[in-house]
């Protein structure tokens, strides 16, 4: 019993340390100089604030629709189309300002 517990703990510790090592080794692109232009990022955020709010609202509506007892496929399809259009508009503004995908928070 003790031997199995010791082996289990050793395996768990190995998995945890491997996970921590890989997480610390991963470098996000935002850590690089790609997101250093704060003025461009501020302008991007300012221009996309309304689009982001609309995107969040549509996403919430879609989630509520999915959780409701009556699922309307036409309404869901319309919401998904709206979400794609909003994301495309946000992407267009990001490209205009030279903001990479990982810096769009």
PDB file of N, CA and C in Angstrom:
ATOM      1  N   UNK A   1       0.827  -1.191   0.000  1.00  0.00           N
ATOM      2  CA  UNK A   1       0.000   0.000   0.000  1.00  0.00           C
ATOM      3  C   UNK A   1       0.870   1.254   0.000  1.00  0.00           C
ATOM      4  N   UNK A   2       1.838   1.329   0.898  1.00  0.00           N
ATOM      5  CA  UNK A   2       2.726   2.486   0.976  1.00  0.00           C
ATOM      6  C   UNK A   2       3.554   2.634  -0.288  1.00  0.00           C
ATOM      7  N   UNK A   3       3.976   1.510  -0.859  1.00  0.00           N
ATOM      8  CA  UNK A   3       4.787   1.546  -2.058  1.00  0.00           C
ATOM      9  C   UNK A   3       3.977   2.141  -3.224  1.00  0.00           C
ATOM     10  N   UNK A   4       2.729   1.747  -3.353  1.00  0.00           N
ATOM     11  CA  UNK A   4       1.866   2.284  -4.405  1.00  0.00           C
ATOM     12  C   UNK A   4       1.608   3.776  -4.202  1.00  0.00           C
ATOM     13  N   UNK A   5       1.443   4.185  -2.973  1.00  0.00           N
ATOM     14  CA  UNK A   5       1.215   5.592  -2.675  1.00  0.00           C
ATOM     15  C   UNK A   5       2.450   6.424  -3.020  1.00  0.00           C
ATOM     16  N   UNK A   6       3.607   5.933  -2.702  1.00  0.00           N
ATOM     17  CA  UNK A   6       4.851   6.641  -2.989  1.00  0.00           C
ATOM     18  C   UNK A   6       5.036   6.773  -4.496  1.00  0.00           C
ATOM     19  N   UNK A   7       4.764   5.705  -5.228  1.00  0.00           N
ATOM     20  CA  UNK A   7       4.886   5.746  -6.685  1.00  0.00           C
ATOM     21  C   UNK A   7       3.870   6.735  -7.261  1.00  0.00           C
ATOM     22  N   UNK A   8       2.659   6.719  -6.750  1.00  0.00           N
ATOM     23  CA  UNK A   8       1.622   7.644  -7.215  1.00  0.00           C
ATOM     24  C   UNK A   8       2.003   9.091  -6.964  1.00  0.00           C
ATOM     25  N   UNK A   9       2.536   9.373  -5.810  1.00  0.00           N
ATOM     26  CA  UNK A   9       2.963  10.738  -5.475  1.00  0.00           C
ATOM     27  C   UNK A   9       4.134  11.148  -6.367  1.00  0.00           C
ATOM     28  N   UNK A  10       5.062  10.241  -6.606  1.00  0.00           N
ATOM     29  CA  UNK A  10       6.211  10.554  -7.465  1.00  0.00           C
ATOM     30  C   UNK A  10       5.756  10.858  -8.887  1.00  0.00           C
ATOM     31  N   UNK A  11       4.815  10.081  -9.389  1.00  0.00           N
ATOM     32  CA  UNK A  11       4.296  10.318 -10.740  1.00  0.00           C
ATOM     33  C   UNK A  11       3.575  11.670 -10.794  1.00  0.00           C
ATOM     34  N   UNK A  12       2.758  11.960  -9.788  1.00  0.00           N
ATOM     35  CA  UNK A  12       2.038  13.229  -9.743  1.00  0.00           C
ATOM     36  C   UNK A  12       3.006  14.407  -9.683  1.00  0.00           C
ATOM     37  N   UNK A  13       4.047  14.302  -8.875  1.00  0.00           N
ATOM     38  CA  UNK A  13       5.034  15.380  -8.778  1.00  0.00           C
ATOM     39  C   UNK A  13       5.769  15.560 -10.104  1.00  0.00           C
ATOM     40  N   UNK A  14       6.065  14.448 -10.778  1.00  0.00           N
ATOM     41  CA  UNK A  14       6.722  14.532 -12.083  1.00  0.00           C
ATOM     42  C   UNK A  14       5.838  15.224 -13.106  1.00  0.00           C
ATOM     43  N   UNK A  15       4.563  14.912 -13.090  1.00  0.00           N
ATOM     44  CA  UNK A  15       3.627  15.547 -14.023  1.00  0.00           C
ATOM     45  C   UNK A  15       3.490  17.037 -13.717  1.00  0.00           C
ATOM     46  N   UNK A  16       3.417  17.383 -12.453  1.00  0.00           N
ATOM     47  CA  UNK A  16       3.303  18.793 -12.079  1.00  0.00           C
ATOM     48  C   UNK A  16       4.550  19.577 -12.463  1.00  0.00           C
ATOM     49  N   UNK A  17       5.707  19.010 -12.208  1.00  0.00           N
ATOM     50  CA  UNK A  17       6.937  19.738 -12.536  1.00  0.00           C
ATOM     51  C   UNK A  17       7.109  19.855 -14.049  1.00  0.00           C
ATOM     52  N   UNK A  18       6.719  18.840 -14.807  1.00  0.00           N
ATOM     53  CA  UNK A  18       6.804  18.915 -16.268  1.00  0.00           C
ATOM     54  C   UNK A  18       5.840  19.964 -16.803  1.00  0.00           C
ATOM     55  N   UNK A  19       4.660  20.044 -16.227  1.00  0.00           N
ATOM     56  CA  UNK A  19       3.691  21.052 -16.643  1.00  0.00           C
ATOM     57  C   UNK A  19       4.166  22.456 -16.329  1.00  0.00           C
ATOM     58  N   UNK A  20       4.743  22.635 -15.169  1.00  0.00           N
ATOM     59  CA  UNK A  20       5.248  23.951 -14.788  1.00  0.00           C
ATOM     60  C   UNK A  20       6.427  24.360 -15.657  1.00  0.00           C
ATOM     61  N   UNK A  21       7.258  23.412 -15.980  1.00  0.00           N
ATOM     62  CA  UNK A  21       8.414  23.700 -16.824  1.00  0.00           C
ATOM     63  C   UNK A  21       7.978  24.113 -18.222  1.00  0.00           C
ATOM     64  N   UNK A  22       7.016  23.393 -18.783  1.00  0.00           N
ATOM     65  CA  UNK A  22       6.565  23.737 -20.132  1.00  0.00           C
ATOM     66  C   UNK A  22       5.830  25.066 -20.136  1.00  0.00           C
ATOM     67  N   UNK A  23       5.097  25.381 -19.079  1.00  0.00           N
ATOM     68  CA  UNK A  23       4.395  26.658 -19.003  1.00  0.00           C
ATOM     69  C   UNK A  23       5.370  27.817 -18.873  1.00  0.00           C
ATOM     70  N   UNK A  24       6.435  27.627 -18.137  1.00  0.00           N
ATOM     71  CA  UNK A  24       7.406  28.707 -17.981  1.00  0.00           C
ATOM     72  C   UNK A  24       8.263  28.875 -19.230  1.00  0.00           C
ATOM     73  N   UNK A  25       8.417  27.810 -19.997  1.00  0.00           N
ATOM     74  CA  UNK A  25       9.228  27.879 -21.207  1.00  0.00           C
ATOM     75  C   UNK A  25       8.472  28.534 -22.362  1.00  0.00           C
ATOM     76  N   UNK A  26       7.154  28.486 -22.307  1.00  0.00           N
ATOM     77  CA  UNK A  26       6.350  29.063 -23.388  1.00  0.00           C
ATOM     78  C   UNK A  26       6.425  30.575 -23.317  1.00  0.00           C
ATOM     79  N   UNK A  27       6.695  31.180 -24.447  1.00  0.00           N
ATOM     80  CA  UNK A  27       6.792  32.631 -24.522  1.00  0.00           C
ATOM     81  C   UNK A  27       5.660  33.123 -25.409  1.00  0.00           C
ATOM     82  N   UNK A  28       4.858  34.017 -24.882  1.00  0.00           N
ATOM     83  CA  UNK A  28       3.787  34.548 -25.713  1.00  0.00           C
ATOM     84  C   UNK A  28       4.360  35.612 -26.632  1.00  0.00           C
ATOM     85  N   UNK A  29       3.699  35.812 -27.744  1.00  0.00           N
ATOM     86  CA  UNK A  29       4.201  36.807 -28.688  1.00  0.00           C
ATOM     87  C   UNK A  29       4.059  38.210 -28.116  1.00  0.00           C
ATOM     88  N   UNK A  30       3.222  38.372 -27.110  1.00  0.00           N
ATOM     89  CA  UNK A  30       3.070  39.693 -26.495  1.00  0.00           C
ATOM     90  C   UNK A  30       4.254  40.036 -25.607  1.00  0.00           C
ATOM     91  N   UNK A  31       5.038  39.051 -25.258  1.00  0.00           N
ATOM     92  CA  UNK A  31       6.236  39.316 -24.485  1.00  0.00           C
ATOM     93  C   UNK A  31       7.327  39.920 -25.347  1.00  0.00           C
ATOM     94  N   UNK A  32       7.216  39.741 -26.643  1.00  0.00           N
ATOM     95  CA  UNK A  32       8.194  40.289 -27.570  1.00  0.00           C
ATOM     96  C   UNK A  32       7.890  41.765 -27.818  1.00  0.00           C
ATOM     97  N   UNK A  33       8.567  42.328 -28.766  1.00  0.00           N
ATOM     98  CA  UNK A  33       8.367  43.745 -29.080  1.00  0.00           C
ATOM     99  C   UNK A  33       7.172  43.977 -29.986  1.00  0.00           C
ATOM    100  N   UNK A  34       6.405  42.943 -30.296  1.00  0.00           N
ATOM    101  CA  UNK A  34       5.270  43.075 -31.197  1.00  0.00           C
ATOM    102  C   UNK A  34       4.172  43.963 -30.616  1.00  0.00           C
ATOM    103  N   UNK A  35       4.063  44.032 -29.321  1.00  0.00           N
ATOM    104  CA  UNK A  35       2.994  44.805 -28.692  1.00  0.00           C
ATOM    105  C   UNK A  35       3.531  46.067 -28.023  1.00  0.00           C
ATOM    106  N   UNK A  36       4.673  46.534 -28.457  1.00  0.00           N
ATOM    107  CA  UNK A  36       5.299  47.650 -27.766  1.00  0.00           C
ATOM    108  C   UNK A  36       4.703  49.000 -28.141  1.00  0.00           C
ATOM    109  N   UNK A  37       3.988  49.097 -29.271  1.00  0.00           N
ATOM    110  CA  UNK A  37       3.403  50.366 -29.688  1.00  0.00           C
ATOM    111  C   UNK A  37       2.101  50.590 -28.921  1.00  0.00           C
ATOM    112  N   UNK A  38       2.216  51.237 -27.776  1.00  0.00           N
ATOM    113  CA  UNK A  38       1.064  51.424 -26.898  1.00  0.00           C
ATOM    114  C   UNK A  38       0.034  52.368 -27.503  1.00  0.00           C
ATOM    115  N   UNK A  39       0.486  53.327 -28.264  1.00  0.00           N
ATOM    116  CA  UNK A  39      -0.442  54.271 -28.877  1.00  0.00           C
ATOM    117  C   UNK A  39      -1.322  53.565 -29.906  1.00  0.00           C
ATOM    118  N   UNK A  40      -0.748  52.691 -30.706  1.00  0.00           N
ATOM    119  CA  UNK A  40      -1.526  51.935 -31.687  1.00  0.00           C
ATOM    120  C   UNK A  40      -2.514  51.010 -30.986  1.00  0.00           C
ATOM    121  N   UNK A  41      -2.078  50.398 -29.885  1.00  0.00           N
ATOM    122  CA  UNK A  41      -2.963  49.511 -29.135  1.00  0.00           C
ATOM    123  C   UNK A  41      -4.109  50.290 -28.500  1.00  0.00           C
ATOM    124  N   UNK A  42      -3.823  51.468 -27.979  1.00  0.00           N
ATOM    125  CA  UNK A  42      -4.878  52.304 -27.398  1.00  0.00           C
ATOM    126  C   UNK A  42      -5.879  52.738 -28.462  1.00  0.00           C
ATOM    127  N   UNK A  43      -5.379  53.108 -29.636  1.00  0.00           N
ATOM    128  CA  UNK A  43      -6.258  53.510 -30.720  1.00  0.00           C
ATOM    129  C   UNK A  43      -7.120  52.330 -31.176  1.00  0.00           C
ATOM    130  N   UNK A  44      -6.523  51.161 -31.260  1.00  0.00           N
ATOM    131  CA  UNK A  44      -7.261  49.950 -31.617  1.00  0.00           C
ATOM    132  C   UNK A  44      -8.365  49.681 -30.601  1.00  0.00           C
ATOM    133  N   UNK A  45      -8.033  49.773 -29.315  1.00  0.00           N
ATOM    134  CA  UNK A  45      -9.012  49.530 -28.260  1.00  0.00           C
ATOM    135  C   UNK A  45     -10.148  50.549 -28.331  1.00  0.00           C
ATOM    136  N   UNK A  46      -9.800  51.792 -28.585  1.00  0.00           N
ATOM    137  CA  UNK A  46     -10.801  52.853 -28.678  1.00  0.00           C
ATOM    138  C   UNK A  46     -11.749  52.614 -29.852  1.00  0.00           C
ATOM    139  N   UNK A  47     -11.196  52.233 -30.993  1.00  0.00           N
ATOM    140  CA  UNK A  47     -12.006  52.028 -32.187  1.00  0.00           C
ATOM    141  C   UNK A  47     -12.866  50.769 -32.123  1.00  0.00           C
ATOM    142  N   UNK A  48     -12.436  49.788 -31.368  1.00  0.00           N
ATOM    143  CA  UNK A  48     -13.166  48.520 -31.328  1.00  0.00           C
ATOM    144  C   UNK A  48     -13.987  48.316 -30.057  1.00  0.00           C
ATOM    145  N   UNK A  49     -14.084  49.321 -29.213  1.00  0.00           N
ATOM    146  CA  UNK A  49     -14.817  49.162 -27.954  1.00  0.00           C
ATOM    147  C   UNK A  49     -16.276  48.802 -28.208  1.00  0.00           C
ATOM    148  N   UNK A  50     -16.924  49.519 -29.117  1.00  0.00           N
ATOM    149  CA  UNK A  50     -18.328  49.235 -29.408  1.00  0.00           C
ATOM    150  C   UNK A  50     -18.489  47.868 -30.056  1.00  0.00           C
ATOM    151  N   UNK A  51     -17.556  47.507 -30.941  1.00  0.00           N
ATOM    152  CA  UNK A  51     -17.611  46.200 -31.590  1.00  0.00           C
ATOM    153  C   UNK A  51     -17.416  45.080 -30.579  1.00  0.00           C
ATOM    154  N   UNK A  52     -16.507  45.278 -29.642  1.00  0.00           N
ATOM    155  CA  UNK A  52     -16.262  44.265 -28.609  1.00  0.00           C
ATOM    156  C   UNK A  52     -17.472  44.082 -27.708  1.00  0.00           C
ATOM    157  N   UNK A  53     -18.116  45.182 -27.357  1.00  0.00           N
ATOM    158  CA  UNK A  53     -19.324  45.100 -26.529  1.00  0.00           C
ATOM    159  C   UNK A  53     -20.430  44.359 -27.260  1.00  0.00           C
ATOM    160  N   UNK A  54     -20.607  44.672 -28.543  1.00  0.00           N
ATOM    161  CA  UNK A  54     -21.627  43.992 -29.337  1.00  0.00           C
ATOM    162  C   UNK A  54     -21.296  42.508 -29.479  1.00  0.00           C
ATOM    163  N   UNK A  55     -20.022  42.200 -29.645  1.00  0.00           N
ATOM    164  CA  UNK A  55     -19.588  40.811 -29.764  1.00  0.00           C
ATOM    165  C   UNK A  55     -19.908  40.039 -28.490  1.00  0.00           C
ATOM    166  N   UNK A  56     -19.610  40.619 -27.350  1.00  0.00           N
ATOM    167  CA  UNK A  56     -19.892  39.961 -26.069  1.00  0.00           C
ATOM    168  C   UNK A  56     -21.390  39.763 -25.872  1.00  0.00           C
ATOM    169  N   UNK A  57     -22.174  40.776 -26.236  1.00  0.00           N
ATOM    170  CA  UNK A  57     -23.626  40.681 -26.074  1.00  0.00           C
ATOM    171  C   UNK A  57     -24.203  39.577 -26.959  1.00  0.00           C
ATOM    172  N   UNK A  58     -23.745  39.502 -28.205  1.00  0.00           N
ATOM    173  CA  UNK A  58     -24.230  38.458 -29.119  1.00  0.00           C
ATOM    174  C   UNK A  58     -23.801  37.079 -28.629  1.00  0.00           C
ATOM    175  N   UNK A  59     -22.588  36.972 -28.096  1.00  0.00           N
ATOM    176  CA  UNK A  59     -22.109  35.703 -27.575  1.00  0.00           C
ATOM    177  C   UNK A  59     -22.949  35.252 -26.391  1.00  0.00           C
ATOM    178  N   UNK A  60     -23.303  36.182 -25.525  1.00  0.00           N
ATOM    179  CA  UNK A  60     -24.149  35.850 -24.375  1.00  0.00           C
ATOM    180  C   UNK A  60     -25.527  35.399 -24.850  1.00  0.00           C
ATOM    181  N   UNK A  61     -26.084  36.093 -25.842  1.00  0.00           N
ATOM    182  CA  UNK A  61     -27.390  35.694 -26.379  1.00  0.00           C
ATOM    183  C   UNK A  61     -27.331  34.281 -26.957  1.00  0.00           C
ATOM    184  N   UNK A  62     -26.248  33.975 -27.667  1.00  0.00           N
ATOM    185  CA  UNK A  62     -26.107  32.646 -28.250  1.00  0.00           C
ATOM    186  C   UNK A  62     -25.995  31.586 -27.164  1.00  0.00           C
ATOM    187  N   UNK A  63     -25.263  31.868 -26.119  1.00  0.00           N
ATOM    188  CA  UNK A  63     -25.137  30.918 -25.002  1.00  0.00           C
ATOM    189  C   UNK A  63     -26.471  30.719 -24.298  1.00  0.00           C
ATOM    190  N   UNK A  64     -27.206  31.820 -24.089  1.00  0.00           N
ATOM    191  CA  UNK A  64     -28.522  31.713 -23.446  1.00  0.00           C
ATOM    192  C   UNK A  64     -29.476  30.904 -24.315  1.00  0.00           C
ATOM    193  N   UNK A  65     -29.388  31.108 -25.620  1.00  0.00           N
ATOM    194  CA  UNK A  65     -30.230  30.356 -26.544  1.00  0.00           C
ATOM    195  C   UNK A  65     -29.899  28.871 -26.485  1.00  0.00           C
ATOM    196  N   UNK A  66     -28.620  28.558 -26.402  1.00  0.00           N
ATOM    197  CA  UNK A  66     -28.198  27.159 -26.330  1.00  0.00           C
ATOM    198  C   UNK A  66     -28.650  26.506 -25.024  1.00  0.00           C
ATOM    199  N   UNK A  67     -28.720  27.281 -23.959  1.00  0.00           N
ATOM    200  CA  UNK A  67     -29.116  26.733 -22.660  1.00  0.00           C
ATOM    201  C   UNK A  67     -30.631  26.704 -22.463  1.00  0.00           C
ATOM    202  N   UNK A  68     -31.356  27.424 -23.293  1.00  0.00           N
ATOM    203  CA  UNK A  68     -32.809  27.460 -23.141  1.00  0.00           C
ATOM    204  C   UNK A  68     -33.415  26.125 -23.572  1.00  0.00           C
ATOM    205  N   UNK A  69     -34.611  25.906 -23.159  1.00  0.00           N
ATOM    206  CA  UNK A  69     -35.293  24.664 -23.507  1.00  0.00           C
ATOM    207  C   UNK A  69     -35.682  24.596 -24.968  1.00  0.00           C
ATOM    208  N   UNK A  70     -35.945  25.730 -25.574  1.00  0.00           N
ATOM    209  CA  UNK A  70     -36.334  25.762 -26.985  1.00  0.00           C
ATOM    210  C   UNK A  70     -35.206  26.389 -27.792  1.00  0.00           C
ATOM    211  N   UNK A  71     -34.563  25.586 -28.607  1.00  0.00           N
ATOM    212  CA  UNK A  71     -33.417  26.041 -29.400  1.00  0.00           C
ATOM    213  C   UNK A  71     -33.898  26.397 -30.796  1.00  0.00           C
ATOM    214  N   UNK A  72     -33.771  27.661 -31.158  1.00  0.00           N
ATOM    215  CA  UNK A  72     -34.185  28.141 -32.469  1.00  0.00           C
ATOM    216  C   UNK A  72     -32.956  28.164 -33.378  1.00  0.00           C
ATOM    217  N   UNK A  73     -32.904  27.253 -34.349  1.00  0.00           N
ATOM    218  CA  UNK A  73     -31.728  27.144 -35.207  1.00  0.00           C
ATOM    219  C   UNK A  73     -31.560  28.372 -36.099  1.00  0.00           C
ATOM    220  N   UNK A  74     -32.657  28.982 -36.517  1.00  0.00           N
ATOM    221  CA  UNK A  74     -32.563  30.183 -37.361  1.00  0.00           C
ATOM    222  C   UNK A  74     -31.949  31.344 -36.576  1.00  0.00           C
ATOM    223  N   UNK A  75     -32.393  31.502 -35.350  1.00  0.00           N
ATOM    224  CA  UNK A  75     -31.859  32.579 -34.515  1.00  0.00           C
ATOM    225  C   UNK A  75     -30.391  32.312 -34.175  1.00  0.00           C
ATOM    226  N   UNK A  76     -30.054  31.069 -33.916  1.00  0.00           N
ATOM    227  CA  UNK A  76     -28.665  30.710 -33.614  1.00  0.00           C
ATOM    228  C   UNK A  76     -27.776  30.972 -34.820  1.00  0.00           C
ATOM    229  N   UNK A  77     -28.254  30.619 -36.002  1.00  0.00           N
ATOM    230  CA  UNK A  77     -27.469  30.854 -37.216  1.00  0.00           C
ATOM    231  C   UNK A  77     -27.264  32.341 -37.455  1.00  0.00           C
ATOM    232  N   UNK A  78     -28.302  33.138 -37.203  1.00  0.00           N
ATOM    233  CA  UNK A  78     -28.189  34.592 -37.359  1.00  0.00           C
ATOM    234  C   UNK A  78     -27.183  35.169 -36.371  1.00  0.00           C
ATOM    235  N   UNK A  79     -27.216  34.696 -35.131  1.00  0.00           N
ATOM    236  CA  UNK A  79     -26.269  35.168 -34.119  1.00  0.00           C
ATOM    237  C   UNK A  79     -24.840  34.774 -34.488  1.00  0.00           C
ATOM    238  N   UNK A  80     -24.654  33.566 -34.983  1.00  0.00           N
ATOM    239  CA  UNK A  80     -23.315  33.125 -35.379  1.00  0.00           C
ATOM    240  C   UNK A  80     -22.791  33.944 -36.554  1.00  0.00           C
ATOM    241  N   UNK A  81     -23.669  34.285 -37.490  1.00  0.00           N
ATOM    242  CA  UNK A  81     -23.274  35.138 -38.611  1.00  0.00           C
ATOM    243  C   UNK A  81     -22.865  36.517 -38.114  1.00  0.00           C
ATOM    244  N   UNK A  82     -23.653  37.056 -37.182  1.00  0.00           N
ATOM    245  CA  UNK A  82     -23.314  38.359 -36.600  1.00  0.00           C
ATOM    246  C   UNK A  82     -21.969  38.312 -35.891  1.00  0.00           C
ATOM    247  N   UNK A  83     -21.717  37.226 -35.164  1.00  0.00           N
ATOM    248  CA  UNK A  83     -20.439  37.073 -34.460  1.00  0.00           C
ATOM    249  C   UNK A  83     -19.270  37.054 -35.444  1.00  0.00           C
ATOM    250  N   UNK A  84     -19.422  36.327 -36.539  1.00  0.00           N
ATOM    251  CA  UNK A  84     -18.357  36.263 -37.544  1.00  0.00           C
ATOM    252  C   UNK A  84     -18.104  37.635 -38.156  1.00  0.00           C
ATOM    253  N   UNK A  85     -19.174  38.381 -38.432  1.00  0.00           N
ATOM    254  CA  UNK A  85     -19.023  39.711 -39.021  1.00  0.00           C
ATOM    255  C   UNK A  85     -18.326  40.671 -38.056  1.00  0.00           C
ATOM    256  N   UNK A  86     -18.703  40.610 -36.777  1.00  0.00           N
ATOM    257  CA  UNK A  86     -18.068  41.478 -35.781  1.00  0.00           C
ATOM    258  C   UNK A  86     -16.589  41.145 -35.622  1.00  0.00           C
ATOM    259  N   UNK A  87     -16.266  39.853 -35.603  1.00  0.00           N
ATOM    260  CA  UNK A  87     -14.862  39.445 -35.493  1.00  0.00           C
ATOM    261  C   UNK A  87     -14.065  39.899 -36.704  1.00  0.00           C
ATOM    262  N   UNK A  88     -14.690  39.832 -37.875  1.00  0.00           N
ATOM    263  CA  UNK A  88     -14.004  40.281 -39.094  1.00  0.00           C
ATOM    264  C   UNK A  88     -13.749  41.784 -39.049  1.00  0.00           C
ATOM    265  N   UNK A  89     -14.704  42.549 -38.535  1.00  0.00           N
ATOM    266  CA  UNK A  89     -14.517  44.000 -38.419  1.00  0.00           C
ATOM    267  C   UNK A  89     -13.399  44.326 -37.433  1.00  0.00           C
ATOM    268  N   UNK A  90     -13.377  43.625 -36.313  1.00  0.00           N
ATOM    269  CA  UNK A  90     -12.320  43.834 -35.317  1.00  0.00           C
ATOM    270  C   UNK A  90     -10.966  43.469 -35.919  1.00  0.00           C
ATOM    271  N   UNK A  91     -10.922  42.386 -36.672  1.00  0.00           N
ATOM    272  CA  UNK A  91      -9.679  41.971 -37.321  1.00  0.00           C
ATOM    273  C   UNK A  91      -9.208  43.018 -38.324  1.00  0.00           C
ATOM    274  N   UNK A  92     -10.137  43.617 -39.065  1.00  0.00           N
ATOM    275  CA  UNK A  92      -9.783  44.649 -40.035  1.00  0.00           C
ATOM    276  C   UNK A  92      -9.140  45.851 -39.343  1.00  0.00           C
ATOM    277  N   UNK A  93      -9.704  46.269 -38.224  1.00  0.00           N
ATOM    278  CA  UNK A  93      -9.137  47.391 -37.467  1.00  0.00           C
ATOM    279  C   UNK A  93      -7.765  47.014 -36.911  1.00  0.00           C
ATOM    280  N   UNK A  94      -7.617  45.777 -36.465  1.00  0.00           N
ATOM    281  CA  UNK A  94      -6.329  45.325 -35.929  1.00  0.00           C
ATOM    282  C   UNK A  94      -5.256  45.335 -37.005  1.00  0.00           C
ATOM    283  N   UNK A  95      -5.603  44.878 -38.188  1.00  0.00           N
ATOM    284  CA  UNK A  95      -4.639  44.870 -39.289  1.00  0.00           C
ATOM    285  C   UNK A  95      -4.257  46.301 -39.652  1.00  0.00           C
ATOM    286  N   UNK A  96      -5.242  47.187 -39.632  1.00  0.00           N
ATOM    287  CA  UNK A  96      -4.985  48.600 -39.955  1.00  0.00           C
ATOM    288  C   UNK A  96      -3.951  49.202 -39.001  1.00  0.00           C
ATOM    289  N   UNK A  97      -4.019  48.822 -37.734  1.00  0.00           N
ATOM    290  CA  UNK A  97      -3.100  49.355 -36.724  1.00  0.00           C
ATOM    291  C   UNK A  97      -1.874  48.485 -36.507  1.00  0.00           C
ATOM    292  N   UNK A  98      -1.793  47.349 -37.194  1.00  0.00           N
ATOM    293  CA  UNK A  98      -0.639  46.469 -37.047  1.00  0.00           C
ATOM    294  C   UNK A  98      -0.611  45.730 -35.742  1.00  0.00           C
ATOM    295  N   UNK A  99      -1.777  45.402 -35.200  1.00  0.00           N
ATOM    296  CA  UNK A  99      -1.872  44.687 -33.932  1.00  0.00           C
ATOM    297  C   UNK A  99      -1.964  43.188 -34.244  1.00  0.00           C
ATOM    298  N   UNK A 100      -1.048  42.394 -33.672  1.00  0.00           N
ATOM    299  CA  UNK A 100      -1.086  40.944 -33.902  1.00  0.00           C
ATOM    300  C   UNK A 100      -2.207  40.317 -33.077  1.00  0.00           C
ATOM    301  N   UNK A 101      -2.566  39.099 -33.426  1.00  0.00           N
ATOM    302  CA  UNK A 101      -3.709  38.427 -32.815  1.00  0.00           C
ATOM    303  C   UNK A 101      -3.532  38.236 -31.303  1.00  0.00           C
ATOM    304  N   UNK A 102      -2.329  37.990 -30.849  1.00  0.00           N
ATOM    305  CA  UNK A 102      -2.124  37.717 -29.417  1.00  0.00           C
ATOM    306  C   UNK A 102      -2.154  38.996 -28.579  1.00  0.00           C
ATOM    307  N   UNK A 103      -2.117  40.144 -29.210  1.00  0.00           N
ATOM    308  CA  UNK A 103      -2.100  41.408 -28.476  1.00  0.00           C
ATOM    309  C   UNK A 103      -3.481  42.054 -28.393  1.00  0.00           C
ATOM    310  N   UNK A 104      -4.501  41.370 -28.831  1.00  0.00           N
ATOM    311  CA  UNK A 104      -5.849  41.947 -28.885  1.00  0.00           C
ATOM    312  C   UNK A 104      -6.634  41.621 -27.637  1.00  0.00           C
ATOM    313  N   UNK A 105      -6.199  42.039 -26.503  1.00  0.00           N
ATOM    314  CA  UNK A 105      -6.940  41.773 -25.280  1.00  0.00           C
ATOM    315  C   UNK A 105      -7.701  42.985 -24.827  1.00  0.00           C
TER     316      UNK A 105
END
